[in-house]
Amino acid sequence: MNALLPRDEHNQQLEANVHPTDWKNPTPDQPYQLVVIGAGTAGLVTAAGAAGLGARVAIIERDLMGGDCLNVGCVPSKGVISAARVAATVKNASDFSVNVPDGVEVDFDGVMSRMRELRAKISHNDSAKRFQDLGVDVYFGQASFLDSQTIDVAGTRLPFKRAVIATGARA
């Protein structure tokens, strides 16, 4: 995993939730009924749903749990868009007979810090610990199919009956 930059308290909290540096992959003691590759929105929902129905489930993520939505897409963009909307409202305040003093400016570093804080605060929902508590075995590393019933993750062989590939898509 690449280090999250800047190394502020918010990115450290995010990392502690969605790719803890001290995480130890479990050792499988029997075949999984379901292995999910990819811990983005689709993979997390699939793993949680199957575990909730009593299946023995493993999820594999090579980078950050939460996928694009939490880490670079939906959540970060909405945080930045919210700040942009406020800035536009202030800029256009005189249209509503609200006088805002000249010299009001956007602190982009502050906007980005707020975005990282918001992302970190909700990252517990996609955290390795939460999914472990749901009964899902969480593995970090690159998944490789060895055959139709075995996946390798960082040298550990995971036997399985069914697999879901939820690694995202491209247009």
N, C-alpha and C. Protein backbone atom coordinates (compact mmCIF):
# COMPACT_ATOMS: atom_id res chain seq x y z
N MET A 1 0.84 -1.18 0.00
CA MET A 1 0.00 0.00 0.00
C MET A 1 0.89 1.24 0.00
N ASN A 2 0.49 2.22 -0.79
CA ASN A 2 1.19 3.50 -0.79
C ASN A 2 0.76 4.30 0.42
N ALA A 3 1.69 5.05 0.99
CA ALA A 3 1.37 5.88 2.15
C ALA A 3 0.37 6.96 1.75
N LEU A 4 -0.58 7.20 2.63
CA LEU A 4 -1.55 8.27 2.41
C LEU A 4 -0.90 9.60 2.74
N LEU A 5 -0.98 10.52 1.83
CA LEU A 5 -0.38 11.84 2.03
C LEU A 5 -1.45 12.91 2.03
N PRO A 6 -1.29 13.93 2.83
CA PRO A 6 -0.24 14.11 3.83
C PRO A 6 -0.44 13.17 5.01
N ARG A 7 0.60 12.95 5.77
CA ARG A 7 0.53 12.05 6.93
C ARG A 7 -0.05 12.78 8.13
N ASP A 8 -1.25 13.32 7.96
CA ASP A 8 -1.90 14.03 9.06
C ASP A 8 -2.74 13.04 9.89
N GLU A 9 -3.30 13.54 10.98
CA GLU A 9 -4.07 12.68 11.88
C GLU A 9 -5.25 12.02 11.18
N HIS A 10 -5.85 12.71 10.20
CA HIS A 10 -7.03 12.18 9.51
C HIS A 10 -6.65 11.00 8.61
N ASN A 11 -5.58 11.13 7.85
CA ASN A 11 -5.14 10.02 7.01
C ASN A 11 -4.63 8.86 7.85
N GLN A 12 -4.04 9.15 9.00
CA GLN A 12 -3.60 8.07 9.88
C GLN A 12 -4.79 7.32 10.45
N GLN A 13 -5.87 8.05 10.79
CA GLN A 13 -7.08 7.39 11.28
C GLN A 13 -7.72 6.55 10.17
N LEU A 14 -7.78 7.09 8.97
CA LEU A 14 -8.32 6.34 7.83
C LEU A 14 -7.53 5.05 7.64
N GLU A 15 -6.22 5.16 7.59
CA GLU A 15 -5.37 3.99 7.40
C GLU A 15 -5.56 2.96 8.52
N ALA A 16 -5.66 3.42 9.75
CA ALA A 16 -5.86 2.51 10.88
C ALA A 16 -7.15 1.72 10.74
N ASN A 17 -8.14 2.29 10.07
CA ASN A 17 -9.41 1.60 9.87
C ASN A 17 -9.40 0.69 8.64
N VAL A 18 -8.97 1.23 7.50
CA VAL A 18 -9.20 0.52 6.24
C VAL A 18 -7.99 -0.22 5.69
N HIS A 19 -6.83 -0.08 6.31
CA HIS A 19 -5.65 -0.91 5.99
C HIS A 19 -4.64 -0.77 7.13
N PRO A 20 -4.98 -1.36 8.28
CA PRO A 20 -4.10 -1.22 9.45
C PRO A 20 -2.70 -1.77 9.15
N THR A 21 -1.70 -1.01 9.51
CA THR A 21 -0.32 -1.43 9.22
C THR A 21 0.08 -2.68 10.01
N ASP A 22 -0.57 -2.92 11.13
CA ASP A 22 -0.22 -4.08 11.95
C ASP A 22 -1.15 -5.27 11.73
N TRP A 23 -1.96 -5.24 10.68
CA TRP A 23 -2.94 -6.30 10.43
C TRP A 23 -2.23 -7.60 10.10
N LYS A 24 -2.71 -8.67 10.69
CA LYS A 24 -2.21 -10.01 10.38
C LYS A 24 -3.32 -10.78 9.67
N ASN A 25 -3.02 -11.21 8.44
CA ASN A 25 -3.99 -12.02 7.72
C ASN A 25 -4.24 -13.32 8.49
N PRO A 26 -5.50 -13.76 8.54
CA PRO A 26 -5.79 -15.01 9.24
C PRO A 26 -5.24 -16.22 8.49
N THR A 27 -5.25 -17.35 9.14
CA THR A 27 -4.88 -18.61 8.51
C THR A 27 -6.15 -19.44 8.37
N PRO A 28 -6.54 -19.74 7.13
CA PRO A 28 -7.78 -20.49 6.95
C PRO A 28 -7.65 -21.92 7.49
N ASP A 29 -8.69 -22.37 8.19
CA ASP A 29 -8.65 -23.73 8.73
C ASP A 29 -9.63 -24.65 8.01
N GLN A 30 -10.42 -24.09 7.13
CA GLN A 30 -11.34 -24.88 6.30
C GLN A 30 -11.75 -24.03 5.10
N PRO A 31 -12.32 -24.65 4.08
CA PRO A 31 -12.69 -23.87 2.88
C PRO A 31 -13.74 -22.80 3.21
N TYR A 32 -13.62 -21.69 2.52
CA TYR A 32 -14.62 -20.63 2.63
C TYR A 32 -15.78 -20.97 1.70
N GLN A 33 -16.99 -20.66 2.16
CA GLN A 33 -18.13 -20.80 1.27
C GLN A 33 -18.12 -19.71 0.21
N LEU A 34 -17.57 -18.52 0.58
CA LEU A 34 -17.48 -17.41 -0.34
C LEU A 34 -16.21 -16.62 -0.09
N VAL A 35 -15.49 -16.33 -1.16
CA VAL A 35 -14.36 -15.42 -1.11
C VAL A 35 -14.70 -14.23 -2.00
N VAL A 36 -14.55 -13.03 -1.47
CA VAL A 36 -14.83 -11.81 -2.21
C VAL A 36 -13.50 -11.10 -2.45
N ILE A 37 -13.22 -10.82 -3.72
CA ILE A 37 -12.00 -10.09 -4.07
C ILE A 37 -12.40 -8.65 -4.34
N GLY A 38 -11.91 -7.75 -3.53
CA GLY A 38 -12.23 -6.33 -3.64
C GLY A 38 -13.12 -5.88 -2.51
N ALA A 39 -12.65 -4.90 -1.73
CA ALA A 39 -13.40 -4.42 -0.57
C ALA A 39 -13.91 -3.00 -0.79
N GLY A 40 -14.42 -2.76 -2.01
CA GLY A 40 -15.15 -1.53 -2.28
C GLY A 40 -16.61 -1.74 -1.91
N THR A 41 -17.45 -0.86 -2.34
CA THR A 41 -18.87 -0.92 -1.98
C THR A 41 -19.49 -2.28 -2.29
N ALA A 42 -19.32 -2.76 -3.51
CA ALA A 42 -19.94 -4.03 -3.91
C ALA A 42 -19.39 -5.20 -3.11
N GLY A 43 -18.08 -5.24 -2.94
CA GLY A 43 -17.47 -6.33 -2.20
C GLY A 43 -17.86 -6.34 -0.73
N LEU A 44 -17.90 -5.17 -0.12
CA LEU A 44 -18.27 -5.09 1.29
C LEU A 44 -19.72 -5.51 1.53
N VAL A 45 -20.61 -5.06 0.67
CA VAL A 45 -22.03 -5.43 0.80
C VAL A 45 -22.19 -6.93 0.60
N THR A 46 -21.50 -7.49 -0.38
CA THR A 46 -21.58 -8.92 -0.65
C THR A 46 -21.07 -9.73 0.54
N ALA A 47 -19.91 -9.34 1.07
CA ALA A 47 -19.32 -10.07 2.20
C ALA A 47 -20.20 -9.97 3.44
N ALA A 48 -20.67 -8.77 3.75
CA ALA A 48 -21.51 -8.59 4.95
C ALA A 48 -22.82 -9.36 4.81
N GLY A 49 -23.41 -9.31 3.63
CA GLY A 49 -24.68 -10.02 3.42
C GLY A 49 -24.52 -11.52 3.57
N ALA A 50 -23.48 -12.08 2.96
CA ALA A 50 -23.25 -13.53 3.04
C ALA A 50 -22.93 -13.95 4.48
N ALA A 51 -22.10 -13.16 5.16
CA ALA A 51 -21.78 -13.49 6.56
C ALA A 51 -23.03 -13.41 7.42
N GLY A 52 -23.87 -12.41 7.14
CA GLY A 52 -25.13 -12.27 7.89
C GLY A 52 -26.07 -13.45 7.71
N LEU A 53 -25.93 -14.12 6.57
CA LEU A 53 -26.74 -15.32 6.31
C LEU A 53 -26.07 -16.59 6.82
N GLY A 54 -24.92 -16.43 7.47
CA GLY A 54 -24.25 -17.57 8.10
C GLY A 54 -23.15 -18.21 7.28
N ALA A 55 -22.78 -17.63 6.15
CA ALA A 55 -21.72 -18.21 5.32
C ALA A 55 -20.35 -17.94 5.94
N ARG A 56 -19.43 -18.84 5.67
CA ARG A 56 -18.03 -18.63 6.04
C ARG A 56 -17.41 -17.82 4.89
N VAL A 57 -17.01 -16.56 5.20
CA VAL A 57 -16.64 -15.59 4.17
C VAL A 57 -15.25 -15.02 4.42
N ALA A 58 -14.53 -14.81 3.32
CA ALA A 58 -13.27 -14.07 3.34
C ALA A 58 -13.39 -12.93 2.34
N ILE A 59 -12.77 -11.80 2.66
CA ILE A 59 -12.69 -10.69 1.73
C ILE A 59 -11.22 -10.33 1.58
N ILE A 60 -10.82 -10.00 0.34
CA ILE A 60 -9.42 -9.71 0.03
C ILE A 60 -9.35 -8.30 -0.55
N GLU A 61 -8.45 -7.49 -0.02
CA GLU A 61 -8.24 -6.13 -0.54
C GLU A 61 -6.75 -5.87 -0.67
N ARG A 62 -6.32 -5.37 -1.81
CA ARG A 62 -4.89 -5.11 -2.00
C ARG A 62 -4.48 -3.72 -1.53
N ASP A 63 -5.44 -2.82 -1.34
CA ASP A 63 -5.08 -1.46 -0.96
C ASP A 63 -5.93 -1.02 0.24
N LEU A 64 -6.90 -0.14 0.02
CA LEU A 64 -7.71 0.41 1.10
C LEU A 64 -9.14 -0.10 1.03
N MET A 65 -9.63 -0.66 2.13
CA MET A 65 -11.04 -1.05 2.17
C MET A 65 -11.89 0.22 1.98
N GLY A 66 -13.05 0.05 1.40
CA GLY A 66 -13.92 1.18 1.11
C GLY A 66 -13.88 1.56 -0.36
N GLY A 67 -12.83 1.12 -1.05
CA GLY A 67 -12.72 1.32 -2.48
C GLY A 67 -12.71 2.78 -2.89
N ASP A 68 -13.04 3.01 -4.16
CA ASP A 68 -13.05 4.37 -4.70
C ASP A 68 -14.01 5.28 -3.96
N CYS A 69 -15.18 4.78 -3.60
CA CYS A 69 -16.21 5.65 -3.00
C CYS A 69 -15.69 6.33 -1.73
N LEU A 70 -15.15 5.57 -0.82
CA LEU A 70 -14.66 6.16 0.43
C LEU A 70 -13.37 6.94 0.22
N ASN A 71 -12.47 6.42 -0.56
CA ASN A 71 -11.10 6.92 -0.57
C ASN A 71 -10.80 8.02 -1.58
N VAL A 72 -11.37 7.96 -2.76
CA VAL A 72 -11.04 8.96 -3.78
C VAL A 72 -12.24 9.47 -4.56
N GLY A 73 -13.41 8.87 -4.37
CA GLY A 73 -14.55 9.22 -5.20
C GLY A 73 -15.66 9.94 -4.47
N CYS A 74 -16.71 9.22 -4.16
CA CYS A 74 -17.95 9.78 -3.63
C CYS A 74 -17.73 10.67 -2.41
N VAL A 75 -17.12 10.14 -1.39
CA VAL A 75 -16.98 10.87 -0.13
C VAL A 75 -16.07 12.09 -0.28
N PRO A 76 -14.84 11.92 -0.81
CA PRO A 76 -13.99 13.11 -0.96
C PRO A 76 -14.61 14.17 -1.88
N SER A 77 -15.20 13.75 -2.99
CA SER A 77 -15.75 14.74 -3.91
C SER A 77 -16.91 15.50 -3.28
N LYS A 78 -17.75 14.81 -2.53
CA LYS A 78 -18.87 15.50 -1.88
C LYS A 78 -18.39 16.50 -0.84
N GLY A 79 -17.31 16.17 -0.13
CA GLY A 79 -16.75 17.11 0.84
C GLY A 79 -16.23 18.37 0.16
N VAL A 80 -15.55 18.21 -0.96
CA VAL A 80 -15.02 19.37 -1.69
C VAL A 80 -16.14 20.14 -2.37
N ILE A 81 -17.10 19.43 -2.94
CA ILE A 81 -18.24 20.09 -3.60
C ILE A 81 -19.04 20.92 -2.59
N SER A 82 -19.21 20.42 -1.38
CA SER A 82 -19.93 21.18 -0.34
C SER A 82 -19.23 22.51 -0.06
N ALA A 83 -17.91 22.47 0.04
CA ALA A 83 -17.16 23.70 0.27
C ALA A 83 -17.31 24.65 -0.92
N ALA A 84 -17.29 24.11 -2.13
CA ALA A 84 -17.44 24.95 -3.32
C ALA A 84 -18.82 25.61 -3.35
N ARG A 85 -19.83 24.88 -2.93
CA ARG A 85 -21.18 25.46 -2.90
C ARG A 85 -21.27 26.60 -1.90
N VAL A 86 -20.66 26.42 -0.75
CA VAL A 86 -20.65 27.50 0.25
C VAL A 86 -19.92 28.71 -0.30
N ALA A 87 -18.77 28.48 -0.95
CA ALA A 87 -18.02 29.59 -1.54
C ALA A 87 -18.86 30.32 -2.59
N ALA A 88 -19.59 29.57 -3.41
CA ALA A 88 -20.44 30.19 -4.43
C ALA A 88 -21.58 30.98 -3.79
N THR A 89 -22.12 30.46 -2.70
CA THR A 89 -23.19 31.18 -1.99
C THR A 89 -22.68 32.50 -1.45
N VAL A 90 -21.49 32.46 -0.85
CA VAL A 90 -20.90 33.69 -0.31
C VAL A 90 -20.62 34.67 -1.45
N LYS A 91 -20.07 34.16 -2.54
CA LYS A 91 -19.74 35.02 -3.69
C LYS A 91 -20.99 35.71 -4.23
N ASN A 92 -22.11 35.02 -4.22
CA ASN A 92 -23.35 35.55 -4.78
C ASN A 92 -24.29 36.10 -3.71
N ALA A 93 -23.80 36.29 -2.50
CA ALA A 93 -24.64 36.76 -1.40
C ALA A 93 -25.31 38.09 -1.70
N SER A 94 -24.62 38.97 -2.43
CA SER A 94 -25.20 40.29 -2.73
C SER A 94 -26.47 40.18 -3.58
N ASP A 95 -26.62 39.07 -4.32
CA ASP A 95 -27.85 38.86 -5.09
C ASP A 95 -29.07 38.76 -4.17
N PHE A 96 -28.82 38.48 -2.89
CA PHE A 96 -29.89 38.34 -1.90
C PHE A 96 -29.87 39.49 -0.89
N SER A 97 -29.18 40.55 -1.26
CA SER A 97 -29.04 41.73 -0.39
C SER A 97 -28.31 41.41 0.91
N VAL A 98 -27.40 40.46 0.83
CA VAL A 98 -26.54 40.13 1.96
C VAL A 98 -25.15 40.64 1.61
N ASN A 99 -24.65 41.55 2.43
CA ASN A 99 -23.35 42.14 2.16
C ASN A 99 -22.25 41.37 2.89
N VAL A 100 -21.36 40.83 2.11
CA VAL A 100 -20.22 40.10 2.64
C VAL A 100 -18.99 40.96 2.42
N PRO A 101 -18.15 41.12 3.42
CA PRO A 101 -16.97 41.98 3.26
C PRO A 101 -16.06 41.48 2.15
N ASP A 102 -15.43 42.43 1.47
CA ASP A 102 -14.43 42.08 0.46
C ASP A 102 -13.29 41.33 1.12
N GLY A 103 -12.63 40.52 0.32
CA GLY A 103 -11.45 39.82 0.82
C GLY A 103 -11.74 38.44 1.38
N VAL A 104 -12.99 37.98 1.32
CA VAL A 104 -13.29 36.62 1.77
C VAL A 104 -12.65 35.67 0.77
N GLU A 105 -11.90 34.70 1.27
CA GLU A 105 -11.22 33.78 0.37
C GLU A 105 -11.36 32.35 0.87
N VAL A 106 -11.15 31.44 -0.04
CA VAL A 106 -11.24 30.01 0.27
C VAL A 106 -9.86 29.52 0.70
N ASP A 107 -9.81 28.83 1.82
CA ASP A 107 -8.58 28.20 2.31
C ASP A 107 -8.58 26.76 1.80
N PHE A 108 -7.96 26.55 0.63
CA PHE A 108 -8.01 25.24 0.00
C PHE A 108 -7.39 24.16 0.88
N ASP A 109 -6.29 24.46 1.57
CA ASP A 109 -5.70 23.48 2.49
C ASP A 109 -6.71 23.09 3.57
N GLY A 110 -7.46 24.07 4.06
CA GLY A 110 -8.49 23.79 5.06
C GLY A 110 -9.62 22.95 4.49
N VAL A 111 -10.02 23.23 3.26
CA VAL A 111 -11.06 22.44 2.59
C VAL A 111 -10.62 20.98 2.50
N MET A 112 -9.38 20.77 2.09
CA MET A 112 -8.88 19.40 1.94
C MET A 112 -8.72 18.71 3.29
N SER A 113 -8.32 19.45 4.32
CA SER A 113 -8.22 18.88 5.66
C SER A 113 -9.59 18.44 6.15
N ARG A 114 -10.60 19.29 5.92
CA ARG A 114 -11.97 18.94 6.32
C ARG A 114 -12.43 17.69 5.59
N MET A 115 -12.11 17.58 4.30
CA MET A 115 -12.49 16.40 3.52
C MET A 115 -11.84 15.16 4.13
N ARG A 116 -10.56 15.24 4.45
CA ARG A 116 -9.88 14.08 5.03
C ARG A 116 -10.46 13.72 6.40
N GLU A 117 -10.85 14.74 7.16
CA GLU A 117 -11.48 14.50 8.47
C GLU A 117 -12.81 13.78 8.31
N LEU A 118 -13.64 14.24 7.39
CA LEU A 118 -14.94 13.60 7.15
C LEU A 118 -14.75 12.14 6.71
N ARG A 119 -13.82 11.94 5.80
CA ARG A 119 -13.55 10.59 5.29
C ARG A 119 -13.08 9.68 6.42
N ALA A 120 -12.19 10.18 7.26
CA ALA A 120 -11.69 9.39 8.38
C ALA A 120 -12.80 9.04 9.37
N LYS A 121 -13.69 10.01 9.63
CA LYS A 121 -14.77 9.78 10.60
C LYS A 121 -15.73 8.69 10.18
N ILE A 122 -15.95 8.53 8.88
CA ILE A 122 -16.89 7.49 8.45
C ILE A 122 -16.20 6.19 8.05
N SER A 123 -14.86 6.20 8.03
CA SER A 123 -14.13 5.01 7.57
C SER A 123 -14.33 3.79 8.47
N HIS A 124 -14.75 3.99 9.69
CA HIS A 124 -14.99 2.83 10.58
C HIS A 124 -16.06 1.91 10.01
N ASN A 125 -16.98 2.47 9.19
CA ASN A 125 -18.03 1.65 8.58
C ASN A 125 -17.47 0.63 7.60
N ASP A 126 -16.34 0.94 6.98
CA ASP A 126 -15.70 0.05 6.01
C ASP A 126 -14.44 -0.59 6.57
N SER A 127 -14.29 -0.56 7.87
CA SER A 127 -13.03 -0.97 8.49
C SER A 127 -12.84 -2.49 8.55
N ALA A 128 -11.57 -2.86 8.58
CA ALA A 128 -11.21 -4.27 8.72
C ALA A 128 -11.77 -4.83 10.03
N LYS A 129 -11.68 -4.07 11.09
CA LYS A 129 -12.18 -4.52 12.40
C LYS A 129 -13.68 -4.77 12.36
N ARG A 130 -14.43 -3.85 11.74
CA ARG A 130 -15.89 -4.03 11.67
C ARG A 130 -16.24 -5.31 10.92
N PHE A 131 -15.56 -5.55 9.80
CA PHE A 131 -15.88 -6.75 9.03
C PHE A 131 -15.41 -8.01 9.74
N GLN A 132 -14.32 -7.93 10.46
CA GLN A 132 -13.90 -9.05 11.28
C GLN A 132 -14.98 -9.35 12.34
N ASP A 133 -15.51 -8.29 12.94
CA ASP A 133 -16.57 -8.46 13.94
C ASP A 133 -17.86 -9.02 13.34
N LEU A 134 -18.07 -8.80 12.03
CA LEU A 134 -19.23 -9.37 11.34
C LEU A 134 -19.03 -10.84 11.00
N GLY A 135 -17.83 -11.36 11.26
CA GLY A 135 -17.54 -12.76 10.98
C GLY A 135 -16.85 -12.99 9.64
N VAL A 136 -16.34 -11.93 9.04
CA VAL A 136 -15.64 -12.02 7.76
C VAL A 136 -14.13 -12.05 8.03
N ASP A 137 -13.44 -13.01 7.43
CA ASP A 137 -11.98 -13.02 7.51
C ASP A 137 -11.45 -12.01 6.50
N VAL A 138 -10.66 -11.06 6.97
CA VAL A 138 -10.15 -9.98 6.12
C VAL A 138 -8.68 -10.25 5.80
N TYR A 139 -8.38 -10.24 4.50
CA TYR A 139 -7.01 -10.44 4.02
C TYR A 139 -6.59 -9.20 3.23
N PHE A 140 -5.37 -8.76 3.47
CA PHE A 140 -4.79 -7.69 2.67
C PHE A 140 -3.69 -8.30 1.80
N GLY A 141 -3.72 -7.95 0.53
CA GLY A 141 -2.72 -8.44 -0.41
C GLY A 141 -3.33 -8.64 -1.77
N GLN A 142 -2.50 -8.99 -2.72
CA GLN A 142 -2.93 -9.24 -4.11
C GLN A 142 -3.49 -10.66 -4.19
N ALA A 143 -4.69 -10.79 -4.73
CA ALA A 143 -5.30 -12.11 -4.89
C ALA A 143 -4.94 -12.68 -6.26
N SER A 144 -4.62 -13.99 -6.27
CA SER A 144 -4.35 -14.70 -7.52
C SER A 144 -5.03 -16.05 -7.46
N PHE A 145 -5.79 -16.36 -8.50
CA PHE A 145 -6.40 -17.68 -8.58
C PHE A 145 -5.32 -18.70 -8.91
N LEU A 146 -5.24 -19.75 -8.09
CA LEU A 146 -4.32 -20.85 -8.37
C LEU A 146 -5.02 -21.92 -9.18
N ASP A 147 -6.30 -22.10 -8.90
CA ASP A 147 -7.15 -23.02 -9.66
C ASP A 147 -8.59 -22.62 -9.37
N SER A 148 -9.54 -23.43 -9.77
CA SER A 148 -10.96 -23.06 -9.65
C SER A 148 -11.49 -23.10 -8.22
N GLN A 149 -10.65 -23.53 -7.26
CA GLN A 149 -11.10 -23.58 -5.88
C GLN A 149 -10.06 -23.10 -4.88
N THR A 150 -9.04 -22.39 -5.38
CA THR A 150 -7.97 -21.90 -4.49
C THR A 150 -7.49 -20.53 -4.95
N ILE A 151 -7.40 -19.61 -4.00
CA ILE A 151 -6.83 -18.29 -4.24
C ILE A 151 -5.62 -18.12 -3.34
N ASP A 152 -4.58 -17.50 -3.87
CA ASP A 152 -3.40 -17.18 -3.09
C ASP A 152 -3.43 -15.70 -2.74
N VAL A 153 -3.15 -15.40 -1.46
CA VAL A 153 -3.00 -14.01 -1.00
C VAL A 153 -1.73 -13.97 -0.17
N ALA A 154 -0.73 -13.30 -0.69
CA ALA A 154 0.54 -13.12 0.05
C ALA A 154 1.09 -14.45 0.57
N GLY A 155 1.01 -15.49 -0.25
CA GLY A 155 1.55 -16.78 0.13
C GLY A 155 0.61 -17.67 0.92
N THR A 156 -0.57 -17.18 1.25
CA THR A 156 -1.56 -17.99 1.96
C THR A 156 -2.59 -18.50 0.95
N ARG A 157 -2.84 -19.81 1.00
CA ARG A 157 -3.82 -20.41 0.10
C ARG A 157 -5.19 -20.44 0.77
N LEU A 158 -6.17 -19.87 0.06
CA LEU A 158 -7.54 -19.84 0.56
C LEU A 158 -8.39 -20.78 -0.30
N PRO A 159 -8.78 -21.94 0.26
CA PRO A 159 -9.70 -22.81 -0.48
C PRO A 159 -11.11 -22.23 -0.39
N PHE A 160 -11.88 -22.34 -1.48
CA PHE A 160 -13.22 -21.76 -1.50
C PHE A 160 -14.15 -22.57 -2.39
N LYS A 161 -15.45 -22.36 -2.17
CA LYS A 161 -16.47 -22.97 -3.02
C LYS A 161 -16.95 -22.00 -4.09
N ARG A 162 -17.15 -20.74 -3.71
CA ARG A 162 -17.62 -19.70 -4.63
C ARG A 162 -16.75 -18.46 -4.44
N ALA A 163 -16.60 -17.69 -5.54
CA ALA A 163 -15.84 -16.45 -5.46
C ALA A 163 -16.60 -15.35 -6.19
N VAL A 164 -16.46 -14.14 -5.68
CA VAL A 164 -17.00 -12.95 -6.32
C VAL A 164 -15.83 -12.02 -6.58
N ILE A 165 -15.74 -11.56 -7.84
CA ILE A 165 -14.72 -10.59 -8.18
C ILE A 165 -15.41 -9.22 -8.21
N ALA A 166 -15.07 -8.39 -7.23
CA ALA A 166 -15.69 -7.07 -7.09
C ALA A 166 -14.59 -6.03 -7.04
N THR A 167 -13.82 -5.97 -8.11
CA THR A 167 -12.63 -5.11 -8.15
C THR A 167 -12.87 -3.82 -8.91
N GLY A 168 -14.12 -3.49 -9.18
CA GLY A 168 -14.41 -2.25 -9.88
C GLY A 168 -14.49 -2.44 -11.37
N ALA A 169 -14.71 -1.36 -12.05
CA ALA A 169 -14.91 -1.41 -13.50
C ALA A 169 -14.39 -0.14 -14.13
N ARG A 170 -14.26 -0.18 -15.42
CA ARG A 170 -13.90 0.99 -16.22
C ARG A 170 -14.97 1.18 -17.29
N ALA A 171 -15.20 2.41 -17.63
CA ALA A 171 -16.19 2.69 -18.69
C ALA A 171 -15.66 2.17 -20.01
